[in-house]
Structure formats: structure tokens, C-alpha cells
Amino acid sequence: MTSPESLNKEIEGLSREIAAEADASVLGELIFRRGRLRWKIQDRSGAMSDYAAAAELAPGCGAAEALAQAREIMAFYHRDLYNP
């Protein structure tokens, strides 16, 4: 298992790469990778923002599907968990 510290370092590295990248399709892939790492460290809103940005820049990278799945997960409601 990867530690949160190493994931944060990887996110920082990707953020530097994103700032330096000019090609939209490569930029979309980098943003999508950063979103997946953010999801792993429980930064749900950051991950979903990255997925949305990546889906616009690189439609074929899988970010649109990841965003749809993330929205489905966030919208899940189990009545038994809230009504004791």
C-alpha cells in the first residue's frame, strides 16, 4: 500500500508537469492521473474537478467515465444508515 505522503508527493510532481505542459491531450492525461491520485487520498472534490477538466481536454482518456462513477458514488444514499 502506498502512503499518503508519497501520494501527495506524486500529486505535487504531476501538478508541476501540468503547469509546464502545452499539448491538450497530454495535459488531459496528466490531469486525469492526478485526479485518480486525489481520489485515493479521499480528496473527492479535487478528484472530480480533475476528472471534469481532463474529460474536456482529452475525451478519450476515461475521465468522463470516472466522473460519472464518482458522481454515482457520491449520490448513493442508503436509508438504513441514516434511520436507526
C-alpha atoms as a PDB file:
ATOM      1  CA  MET A   1       0.000   0.000   0.000  1.00  0.00           C
ATOM      2  CA  THR A   2       1.204   3.462  -0.846  1.00  0.00           C
ATOM      3  CA  SER A   3       1.489   6.000   1.944  1.00  0.00           C
ATOM      4  CA  PRO A   4      -0.428   9.297   1.822  1.00  0.00           C
ATOM      5  CA  GLU A   5       2.870  11.194   1.932  1.00  0.00           C
ATOM      6  CA  SER A   6       4.150   9.508  -1.219  1.00  0.00           C
ATOM      7  CA  LEU A   7       0.813  10.080  -2.950  1.00  0.00           C
ATOM      8  CA  ASN A   8       0.960  13.774  -2.049  1.00  0.00           C
ATOM      9  CA  LYS A   9       4.491  13.994  -3.457  1.00  0.00           C
ATOM     10  CA  GLU A  10       3.317  12.338  -6.644  1.00  0.00           C
ATOM     11  CA  ILE A  11       0.418  14.806  -6.872  1.00  0.00           C
ATOM     12  CA  GLU A  12       2.840  17.709  -6.453  1.00  0.00           C
ATOM     13  CA  GLY A  13       5.045  16.304  -9.208  1.00  0.00           C
ATOM     14  CA  LEU A  14       2.087  15.922 -11.543  1.00  0.00           C
ATOM     15  CA  SER A  15       0.976  19.477 -10.757  1.00  0.00           C
ATOM     16  CA  ARG A  16       4.409  20.734 -11.854  1.00  0.00           C
ATOM     17  CA  GLU A  17       4.168  18.702 -15.059  1.00  0.00           C
ATOM     18  CA  ILE A  18       0.666  20.057 -15.693  1.00  0.00           C
ATOM     19  CA  ALA A  19       1.881  23.635 -15.318  1.00  0.00           C
ATOM     20  CA  ALA A  20       4.627  23.035 -17.904  1.00  0.00           C
ATOM     21  CA  GLU A  21       2.592  21.057 -20.464  1.00  0.00           C
ATOM     22  CA  ALA A  22       1.173  22.724 -23.587  1.00  0.00           C
ATOM     23  CA  ASP A  23      -0.318  19.779 -25.516  1.00  0.00           C
ATOM     24  CA  ALA A  24      -4.012  19.440 -24.617  1.00  0.00           C
ATOM     25  CA  SER A  25      -4.224  15.650 -24.941  1.00  0.00           C
ATOM     26  CA  VAL A  26      -1.122  15.086 -22.791  1.00  0.00           C
ATOM     27  CA  LEU A  27      -2.418  17.692 -20.339  1.00  0.00           C
ATOM     28  CA  GLY A  28      -5.729  15.837 -20.104  1.00  0.00           C
ATOM     29  CA  GLU A  29      -3.955  12.555 -19.335  1.00  0.00           C
ATOM     30  CA  LEU A  30      -1.835  14.200 -16.616  1.00  0.00           C
ATOM     31  CA  ILE A  31      -4.866  15.836 -15.018  1.00  0.00           C
ATOM     32  CA  PHE A  32      -6.723  12.512 -15.098  1.00  0.00           C
ATOM     33  CA  ARG A  33      -3.795  10.763 -13.371  1.00  0.00           C
ATOM     34  CA  ARG A  34      -3.732  13.489 -10.712  1.00  0.00           C
ATOM     35  CA  GLY A  35      -7.485  13.049 -10.204  1.00  0.00           C
ATOM     36  CA  ARG A  36      -7.090   9.325  -9.618  1.00  0.00           C
ATOM     37  CA  LEU A  37      -4.405  10.023  -7.011  1.00  0.00           C
ATOM     38  CA  ARG A  38      -6.609  12.614  -5.331  1.00  0.00           C
ATOM     39  CA  TRP A  39      -9.422  10.063  -5.147  1.00  0.00           C
ATOM     40  CA  LYS A  40      -7.057   7.667  -3.374  1.00  0.00           C
ATOM     41  CA  ILE A  41      -6.282  10.226  -0.659  1.00  0.00           C
ATOM     42  CA  GLN A  42     -10.003  10.980  -0.143  1.00  0.00           C
ATOM     43  CA  ASP A  43      -9.911  14.387  -1.905  1.00  0.00           C
ATOM     44  CA  ARG A  44     -13.198  13.704  -3.659  1.00  0.00           C
ATOM     45  CA  SER A  45     -13.952  17.258  -4.838  1.00  0.00           C
ATOM     46  CA  GLY A  46     -10.419  17.727  -6.171  1.00  0.00           C
ATOM     47  CA  ALA A  47     -10.598  14.415  -7.995  1.00  0.00           C
ATOM     48  CA  MET A  48     -13.960  15.219  -9.547  1.00  0.00           C
ATOM     49  CA  SER A  49     -12.717  18.632 -10.674  1.00  0.00           C
ATOM     50  CA  ASP A  50      -9.698  16.987 -12.289  1.00  0.00           C
ATOM     51  CA  TYR A  51     -11.902  14.383 -13.977  1.00  0.00           C
ATOM     52  CA  ALA A  52     -14.121  17.116 -15.439  1.00  0.00           C
ATOM     53  CA  ALA A  53     -11.153  19.139 -16.710  1.00  0.00           C
ATOM     54  CA  ALA A  54      -9.496  16.043 -18.185  1.00  0.00           C
ATOM     55  CA  ALA A  55     -12.717  14.969 -19.905  1.00  0.00           C
ATOM     56  CA  GLU A  56     -12.848  18.326 -21.706  1.00  0.00           C
ATOM     57  CA  LEU A  57      -9.190  18.255 -22.753  1.00  0.00           C
ATOM     58  CA  ALA A  58      -8.855  14.569 -23.698  1.00  0.00           C
ATOM     59  CA  PRO A  59     -12.283  12.984 -24.255  1.00  0.00           C
ATOM     60  CA  GLY A  60     -10.885   9.505 -24.872  1.00  0.00           C
ATOM     61  CA  CYS A  61      -8.811   9.196 -21.710  1.00  0.00           C
ATOM     62  CA  GLY A  62     -11.503   7.687 -19.489  1.00  0.00           C
ATOM     63  CA  ALA A  63     -12.047  10.759 -17.329  1.00  0.00           C
ATOM     64  CA  ALA A  64     -15.692  11.131 -18.363  1.00  0.00           C
ATOM     65  CA  GLU A  65     -16.426   7.595 -17.161  1.00  0.00           C
ATOM     66  CA  ALA A  66     -14.520   8.188 -13.928  1.00  0.00           C
ATOM     67  CA  LEU A  67     -16.503  11.392 -13.348  1.00  0.00           C
ATOM     68  CA  ALA A  68     -19.800   9.574 -13.924  1.00  0.00           C
ATOM     69  CA  GLN A  69     -18.781   6.833 -11.485  1.00  0.00           C
ATOM     70  CA  ALA A  70     -17.654   9.367  -8.900  1.00  0.00           C
ATOM     71  CA  ARG A  71     -20.965  11.209  -9.150  1.00  0.00           C
ATOM     72  CA  GLU A  72     -22.818   7.920  -8.731  1.00  0.00           C
ATOM     73  CA  ILE A  73     -20.780   7.058  -5.636  1.00  0.00           C
ATOM     74  CA  MET A  74     -21.336  10.495  -4.117  1.00  0.00           C
ATOM     75  CA  ALA A  75     -25.084  10.323  -4.799  1.00  0.00           C
ATOM     76  CA  PHE A  76     -25.503   6.938  -3.097  1.00  0.00           C
ATOM     77  CA  TYR A  77     -27.951   7.015  -0.222  1.00  0.00           C
ATOM     78  CA  HIS A  78     -28.683   4.035   1.997  1.00  0.00           C
ATOM     79  CA  ARG A  79     -31.736   4.685   4.148  1.00  0.00           C
ATOM     80  CA  ASP A  80     -30.804   2.175   6.824  1.00  0.00           C
ATOM     81  CA  LEU A  81     -27.585   4.039   7.578  1.00  0.00           C
ATOM     82  CA  TYR A  82     -29.447   7.254   8.399  1.00  0.00           C
ATOM     83  CA  ASN A  83     -32.561   5.883  10.102  1.00  0.00           C
ATOM     84  CA  PRO A  84     -31.623   3.825  13.143  1.00  0.00           C
END
